[in-house]
Protein backbone atom coordinates (compact mmCIF):
# COMPACT_ATOMS: atom_id res chain seq x y z
CA MET A 1 40.38 20.62 -15.28
CA PRO A 2 37.07 22.29 -14.29
CA LYS A 3 36.69 22.91 -10.60
CA GLU A 4 33.82 23.50 -8.19
CA CYS A 5 34.30 25.52 -5.01
CA HIS A 6 32.25 24.90 -1.86
CA VAL A 7 32.47 26.82 1.39
CA VAL A 8 32.39 24.69 4.52
CA GLY A 9 32.47 26.81 7.68
CA GLU A 10 35.42 29.16 7.10
CA ARG A 11 37.26 26.76 4.78
CA SER A 12 37.05 26.67 1.03
CA VAL A 13 36.84 23.17 -0.41
CA VAL A 14 37.69 22.70 -4.07
CA THR A 15 36.48 19.61 -5.87
CA THR A 16 37.04 18.76 -9.51
CA THR A 17 34.31 17.71 -11.90
CA ALA A 18 36.04 14.33 -12.10
CA ASP A 19 35.70 13.99 -8.31
CA THR A 20 31.97 14.73 -8.52
CA SER A 21 31.60 12.27 -11.36
CA ARG A 22 33.40 9.58 -9.37
CA GLU A 23 31.06 10.20 -6.42
CA ARG A 24 28.03 9.82 -8.67
CA HIS A 25 29.54 6.67 -10.18
CA ALA A 26 30.16 5.23 -6.71
CA ARG A 27 26.51 5.72 -5.83
CA ARG A 28 25.24 4.32 -9.12
CA PRO A 29 24.94 0.60 -8.17
CA ALA A 30 22.83 1.45 -5.12
CA GLU A 31 20.76 3.91 -7.14
CA LEU A 32 20.19 1.34 -9.88
CA LEU A 33 19.16 -1.31 -7.38
CA LYS A 34 16.71 1.09 -5.78
CA ALA A 35 15.37 2.03 -9.21
CA TYR A 36 14.76 -1.57 -10.29
CA VAL A 37 13.09 -2.31 -6.96
CA GLY A 38 10.91 0.74 -7.60
CA LEU A 39 9.89 -0.68 -10.98
CA ILE A 40 8.36 -3.79 -9.43
CA LYS A 41 6.33 -1.70 -6.90
CA PRO A 42 7.10 -3.77 -3.78
CA ARG A 43 4.31 -2.23 -1.70
CA VAL A 44 1.76 -3.53 -4.19
CA ILE A 45 3.40 -6.96 -4.18
CA GLU A 46 3.24 -7.13 -0.37
CA LEU A 47 -0.54 -6.97 -0.55
CA LEU A 48 -0.64 -9.74 -3.15
CA LEU A 49 1.50 -12.01 -1.00
CA VAL A 50 -0.77 -11.43 2.00
CA THR A 51 -3.56 -13.09 0.03
CA THR A 52 -1.52 -15.89 -1.58
CA ILE A 53 -0.39 -17.62 1.62
CA PRO A 54 -3.90 -17.93 3.14
CA ALA A 55 -5.16 -19.34 -0.16
CA MET A 56 -2.49 -22.04 -0.02
CA LEU A 57 -3.29 -22.83 3.60
CA LEU A 58 -7.00 -23.12 2.83
CA ALA A 59 -6.26 -25.36 -0.16
CA GLU A 60 -4.31 -27.68 2.13
CA ARG A 61 -6.64 -27.09 5.10
CA GLY A 62 -3.45 -27.12 7.09
CA ILE A 63 0.16 -26.21 6.42
CA PRO A 64 1.46 -27.18 2.96
CA SER A 65 5.10 -27.88 2.17
CA PRO A 66 7.13 -24.83 3.29
CA TRP A 67 9.24 -25.16 0.15
CA LEU A 68 6.13 -25.06 -2.03
CA VAL A 69 4.91 -21.93 -0.24
CA ILE A 70 8.28 -20.19 -0.61
CA ALA A 71 8.62 -21.24 -4.25
CA THR A 72 5.11 -20.02 -5.07
CA LEU A 73 5.78 -16.69 -3.37
CA ILE A 74 9.02 -16.28 -5.32
CA GLY A 75 7.28 -17.07 -8.60
CA GLY A 76 4.35 -14.83 -7.73
CA THR A 77 6.68 -11.97 -6.82
CA MET A 78 8.48 -12.33 -10.14
CA ALA A 79 5.17 -12.35 -12.05
CA ALA A 80 3.79 -9.33 -10.19
CA GLY A 81 7.11 -7.52 -10.59
CA SER A 82 7.05 -8.22 -14.31
CA ALA A 83 3.52 -6.83 -14.67
CA ASN A 84 4.37 -3.74 -12.64
CA ALA A 85 7.60 -3.04 -14.53
CA LEU A 86 5.85 -3.33 -17.90
CA ASN A 87 3.07 -1.12 -16.53
CA CYS A 88 5.70 1.52 -15.69
CA VAL A 89 6.93 1.38 -19.30
CA ALA A 90 3.44 1.76 -20.75
CA ASP A 91 2.41 4.48 -18.29
CA ALA A 92 5.61 6.54 -18.29
CA ASP A 93 3.87 9.45 -20.01
CA ILE A 94 1.07 9.77 -17.47
CA ASP A 95 3.37 9.04 -14.53
CA GLN A 96 5.30 12.15 -15.54
CA VAL A 97 2.32 14.46 -15.09
CA MET A 98 0.89 12.93 -11.92
CA LYS A 99 2.31 14.23 -8.65
CA ARG A 100 1.80 10.85 -7.00
CA THR A 101 3.99 9.04 -9.55
CA ARG A 102 6.66 11.59 -10.50
CA ALA A 103 9.29 9.80 -8.41
CA ARG A 104 9.07 6.57 -10.40
CA PRO A 105 12.31 5.38 -12.04
CA LEU A 106 11.38 6.01 -15.68
CA VAL A 107 10.17 9.51 -14.89
CA ARG A 108 13.45 10.31 -13.12
CA HIS A 109 15.42 8.57 -15.91
CA THR A 110 17.31 6.37 -13.46
CA VAL A 111 16.44 3.41 -15.69
CA SER A 112 16.05 3.57 -19.47
CA THR A 113 12.79 2.51 -21.10
CA ARG A 114 14.58 -0.24 -23.01
CA HIS A 115 16.17 -1.69 -19.88
CA ALA A 116 12.87 -1.54 -17.98
CA LEU A 117 11.13 -3.35 -20.84
CA VAL A 118 13.77 -6.09 -20.95
CA PHE A 119 13.67 -6.35 -17.15
CA GLY A 120 9.90 -6.85 -17.17
CA ILE A 121 9.99 -9.47 -19.93
CA VAL A 122 12.82 -11.42 -18.28
CA LEU A 123 10.97 -11.41 -14.94
CA GLY A 124 7.82 -12.69 -16.62
CA ALA A 125 9.62 -15.48 -18.45
CA GLY A 126 11.48 -16.35 -15.28
CA SER A 127 8.25 -16.56 -13.27
CA PHE A 128 6.79 -19.03 -15.77
CA ALA A 129 9.87 -21.25 -15.76
CA TRP A 130 10.20 -21.10 -11.96
CA LEU A 131 6.55 -21.92 -11.20
CA TRP A 132 6.47 -24.74 -13.75
CA ALA A 133 9.60 -26.24 -12.21
CA THR A 134 8.61 -25.80 -8.56
CA ALA A 135 4.78 -25.88 -8.55
CA ASN A 136 2.96 -26.97 -11.70
CA LEU A 137 2.15 -25.91 -15.25
CA LEU A 138 -1.32 -24.60 -14.33
CA ALA A 139 0.07 -22.13 -11.78
CA ALA A 140 2.81 -21.06 -14.19
CA SER A 141 0.38 -20.55 -17.08
CA MET A 142 -2.02 -18.49 -14.95
CA ALA A 143 0.86 -16.28 -13.79
CA VAL A 144 1.81 -15.47 -17.39
CA GLY A 145 -1.83 -14.99 -18.32
CA THR A 146 -2.18 -12.50 -15.47
CA ILE A 147 0.82 -10.51 -16.69
CA LEU A 148 -0.55 -10.35 -20.23
CA PHE A 149 -4.02 -9.36 -19.00
CA TYR A 150 -2.67 -6.61 -16.74
CA VAL A 151 -0.45 -5.10 -19.42
CA PHE A 152 -2.47 -5.51 -22.61
CA VAL A 153 -6.06 -5.45 -21.36
CA TYR A 154 -5.94 -3.16 -18.33
CA THR A 155 -2.96 -0.85 -18.94
CA LEU A 156 -3.12 -0.45 -22.73
CA VAL A 157 -6.89 -0.71 -23.32
CA LEU A 158 -9.11 -0.17 -20.30
CA LYS A 159 -7.19 2.31 -18.16
CA ARG A 160 -7.37 5.25 -20.57
CA ARG A 161 -10.70 4.48 -22.18
CA THR A 162 -13.35 3.71 -19.57
CA ALA A 163 -14.35 4.66 -16.06
CA GLN A 164 -14.86 0.94 -15.45
CA ASN A 165 -11.14 0.42 -15.94
CA ILE A 166 -10.37 -0.66 -12.40
CA VAL A 167 -13.45 -2.86 -12.10
CA TRP A 168 -12.47 -5.23 -14.90
CA GLY A 169 -8.77 -4.51 -14.98
CA GLY A 170 -8.57 -5.18 -11.26
CA ALA A 171 -9.17 -8.86 -12.01
CA ALA A 172 -5.41 -9.20 -12.45
CA GLY A 173 -4.92 -8.40 -8.77
CA CYS A 174 -7.29 -11.22 -7.86
CA MET A 175 -5.23 -13.95 -9.50
CA PRO A 176 -2.60 -14.58 -6.78
CA VAL A 177 -5.16 -16.44 -4.66
CA VAL A 178 -6.08 -18.66 -7.61
CA ILE A 179 -2.41 -19.26 -8.46
CA GLY A 180 -1.68 -20.12 -4.82
CA TRP A 181 -4.59 -22.57 -4.74
CA ALA A 182 -3.50 -24.16 -8.03
CA GLY A 183 0.06 -24.43 -6.73
CA VAL A 184 -1.18 -26.70 -3.93
CA THR A 185 -3.95 -28.66 -5.66
CA GLY A 186 -3.08 -28.53 -9.36
CA ARG A 187 -6.63 -27.36 -10.11
CA VAL A 188 -9.08 -24.51 -9.47
CA ASP A 189 -11.94 -25.20 -7.04
CA TRP A 190 -14.86 -23.06 -5.89
CA PRO A 191 -13.15 -21.62 -2.76
CA ALA A 192 -10.44 -20.19 -5.01
CA LEU A 193 -13.11 -18.48 -7.11
CA VAL A 194 -14.77 -17.09 -3.97
CA MET A 195 -11.45 -15.62 -2.81
CA PHE A 196 -11.02 -14.19 -6.31
CA GLY A 197 -14.43 -12.52 -5.92
CA VAL A 198 -13.59 -11.06 -2.51
CA ILE A 199 -10.61 -9.19 -3.97
CA PHE A 200 -12.56 -8.35 -7.15
CA PHE A 201 -15.27 -6.53 -5.17
CA TRP A 202 -12.70 -5.05 -2.76
CA THR A 203 -10.70 -3.36 -5.54
CA PRO A 204 -13.21 -0.62 -6.55
CA PRO A 205 -13.75 0.83 -3.03
CA HIS A 206 -10.00 0.61 -2.43
CA THR A 207 -9.02 2.31 -5.69
CA TRP A 208 -11.85 4.82 -5.99
CA SER A 209 -11.22 6.17 -2.50
CA LEU A 210 -7.61 6.80 -3.57
CA ALA A 211 -8.80 8.35 -6.83
CA MET A 212 -11.13 10.70 -4.93
CA LYS A 213 -8.06 12.09 -3.18
CA TYR A 214 -5.99 12.33 -6.36
CA LYS A 215 -8.80 13.27 -8.73
CA ASP A 216 -6.89 16.24 -10.16
CA ASP A 217 -3.88 14.04 -10.83
CA TYR A 218 -5.89 11.56 -12.87
CA GLU A 219 -7.73 14.34 -14.68
CA ARG A 220 -4.46 16.03 -15.61
CA ALA A 221 -3.14 12.71 -16.94
CA GLY A 222 -6.29 12.05 -18.97
CA VAL A 223 -7.19 8.87 -17.08
CA PRO A 224 -11.00 8.55 -16.76
CA MET A 225 -11.12 7.16 -13.25
CA LEU A 226 -14.68 7.20 -11.91
CA PRO A 227 -14.14 10.21 -9.56
CA VAL A 228 -12.92 12.21 -12.59
CA VAL A 229 -15.98 11.62 -14.77
CA ALA A 230 -18.77 11.21 -12.20
CA GLU A 231 -20.30 13.27 -9.41
CA PRO A 232 -18.87 12.63 -5.92
CA THR A 233 -22.18 11.28 -4.62
CA TYR A 234 -22.34 8.74 -7.44
CA VAL A 235 -18.78 7.62 -6.67
CA SER A 236 -19.46 7.22 -2.95
CA ARG A 237 -22.69 5.35 -3.73
CA GLN A 238 -20.75 2.95 -5.92
CA ILE A 239 -18.20 2.48 -3.14
CA VAL A 240 -21.01 1.51 -0.75
CA ALA A 241 -22.53 -0.88 -3.30
CA TYR A 242 -19.26 -2.70 -3.95
CA THR A 243 -18.51 -2.81 -0.24
CA TRP A 244 -21.80 -4.61 0.40
CA LEU A 245 -21.04 -7.06 -2.42
CA MET A 246 -17.58 -7.67 -0.97
CA VAL A 247 -18.79 -8.32 2.57
CA ILE A 248 -21.56 -10.66 1.40
CA TRP A 249 -19.08 -12.46 -0.84
CA THR A 250 -16.69 -13.11 2.06
CA LEU A 251 -19.48 -15.07 3.74
CA LEU A 252 -19.67 -17.49 0.80
CA LEU A 253 -16.33 -18.84 2.00
CA VAL A 254 -17.72 -19.75 5.44
CA PRO A 255 -18.80 -23.30 4.48
CA ALA A 256 -15.16 -24.14 3.69
CA THR A 257 -13.76 -22.57 6.87
CA GLY A 258 -14.18 -22.55 10.64
CA TRP A 259 -15.68 -20.20 13.22
CA LEU A 260 -12.56 -18.01 13.45
CA TYR A 261 -12.72 -16.88 9.83
CA ALA A 262 -16.49 -16.45 10.01
CA ALA A 263 -16.27 -14.20 13.08
CA PHE A 264 -13.56 -11.95 11.67
CA ALA A 265 -15.20 -11.76 8.24
CA VAL A 266 -18.38 -10.45 9.86
CA LEU A 267 -16.69 -8.03 12.28
CA ALA A 268 -14.28 -6.60 9.72
CA GLY A 269 -17.10 -6.36 7.19
CA VAL A 270 -19.26 -4.32 9.56
CA TRP A 271 -16.31 -2.00 10.17
CA PHE A 272 -15.73 -1.49 6.42
CA LEU A 273 -19.44 -0.91 5.78
CA LEU A 274 -19.60 1.67 8.54
CA LEU A 275 -16.76 3.72 7.07
CA ALA A 276 -18.13 3.42 3.53
CA HIS A 277 -21.58 4.63 4.62
CA ARG A 278 -20.00 7.49 6.56
CA LEU A 279 -18.08 8.58 3.49
CA HIS A 280 -21.25 8.49 1.40
CA ALA A 281 -23.27 10.42 4.00
CA ALA A 282 -20.62 13.14 4.25
CA THR A 283 -20.43 13.36 0.45
CA LYS A 284 -24.21 13.77 0.16
CA ARG A 285 -24.11 16.58 2.72
CA GLY A 286 -21.43 18.34 0.71
CA GLU A 287 -18.93 18.15 3.58
CA LYS A 288 -15.20 17.84 3.16
CA THR A 289 -14.46 14.12 3.12
CA LYS A 290 -11.41 12.04 3.99
CA PRO A 291 -11.40 9.24 1.38
CA MET A 292 -7.83 8.26 2.26
CA LYS A 293 -9.12 7.02 5.62
CA LEU A 294 -11.20 4.44 3.76
CA PHE A 295 -8.27 3.68 1.44
CA HIS A 296 -5.89 2.88 4.29
CA MET A 297 -8.59 1.01 6.16
CA SER A 298 -9.27 -1.14 3.09
CA ASN A 299 -5.70 -2.47 3.24
CA THR A 300 -6.14 -3.30 6.91
CA TYR A 301 -9.48 -4.96 6.20
CA LEU A 302 -8.05 -7.26 3.56
CA MET A 303 -5.18 -8.19 5.84
CA ILE A 304 -7.54 -9.00 8.73
CA VAL A 305 -9.81 -11.21 6.62
CA PHE A 306 -7.00 -13.16 4.98
CA VAL A 307 -4.88 -13.49 8.12
CA ALA A 308 -7.97 -14.86 9.90
CA LEU A 309 -8.40 -17.26 6.99
CA ALA A 310 -4.75 -18.31 7.27
CA ILE A 311 -4.93 -18.97 11.02
CA ASP A 312 -8.26 -20.78 10.70
CA SER A 313 -6.81 -23.03 7.99
CA ALA A 314 -3.43 -23.60 9.67
CA LEU A 315 -5.12 -24.68 12.90
CA GLY A 316 -7.38 -27.01 10.97
CA LEU A 317 -10.47 -25.82 12.83
CA PRO A 318 -13.65 -27.83 12.15
CA VAL A 319 -15.24 -26.78 8.88
CA ILE A 320 -18.67 -25.24 9.28
CA GLY A 321 -19.93 -26.89 6.09
CA TRP A 322 -23.07 -26.26 4.09
CA PRO A 323 -26.29 -25.67 6.05
CA PHE A 324 -28.14 -28.15 3.85
């Protein structure tokens, strides 16, 4: 039987190939679990859940059934996990050449493409059945529609063909708030569409600041993200423009909320605008910029705005209402 010899201190330790194989086999369940968790991109899902709960609280203008909230989060996690897993299957070729994504399960071959595909489809079907059973058919249908849009419209069509990929493709990331609202009310009302718009306008500054940092990665993979095909000053100008749209859009939600949300929406918006304008000014001067600072701050911004919305709604603060 083949043997491997290792020196530990002054002792020689001999292990057989079978021993090594058994060690690998013993680790396999944990490795597989980690790989499947990696397919669903849990860090992305965390951000989606941060926006879903406040949407449900605002829809109720109070605290909805805890079971409904938990059930909607489970169904939303399954739907997002399905979309992300199928995205990993479709993007396996470009993930292999990008430094940022080389550790993903399909690139490392810890999960086969076939198994990842089946996993994604099963999660998607499960999310539909779960949301229909625990929430309503509208929420379940929108979850499946979001999966299909993310995979077939964004991943397979827009991502590799246009610099506007993330603008329109990012609409999939806006759907959790609408699904959460529908889960509570059984319909889609104007505040849900405003929350959709907040995330829609937030996505370009968030993603383009990341793409500025990893421009070479996207270029090597042949993905025409805006920082790859446009001058840096144009990119930073677009970031500023979308940031202004986002901040203004957050204020459209004020008539349905109280003073707490309004105050934090304004303060956080000023903070985001300040960093966006600083990035643009430094880019125009040809200085070395730190786009990742804006990227990380964008996550914090979204959390602040939606947590403020959640607290405002849970406390049932008096609604400001329309000024006319």
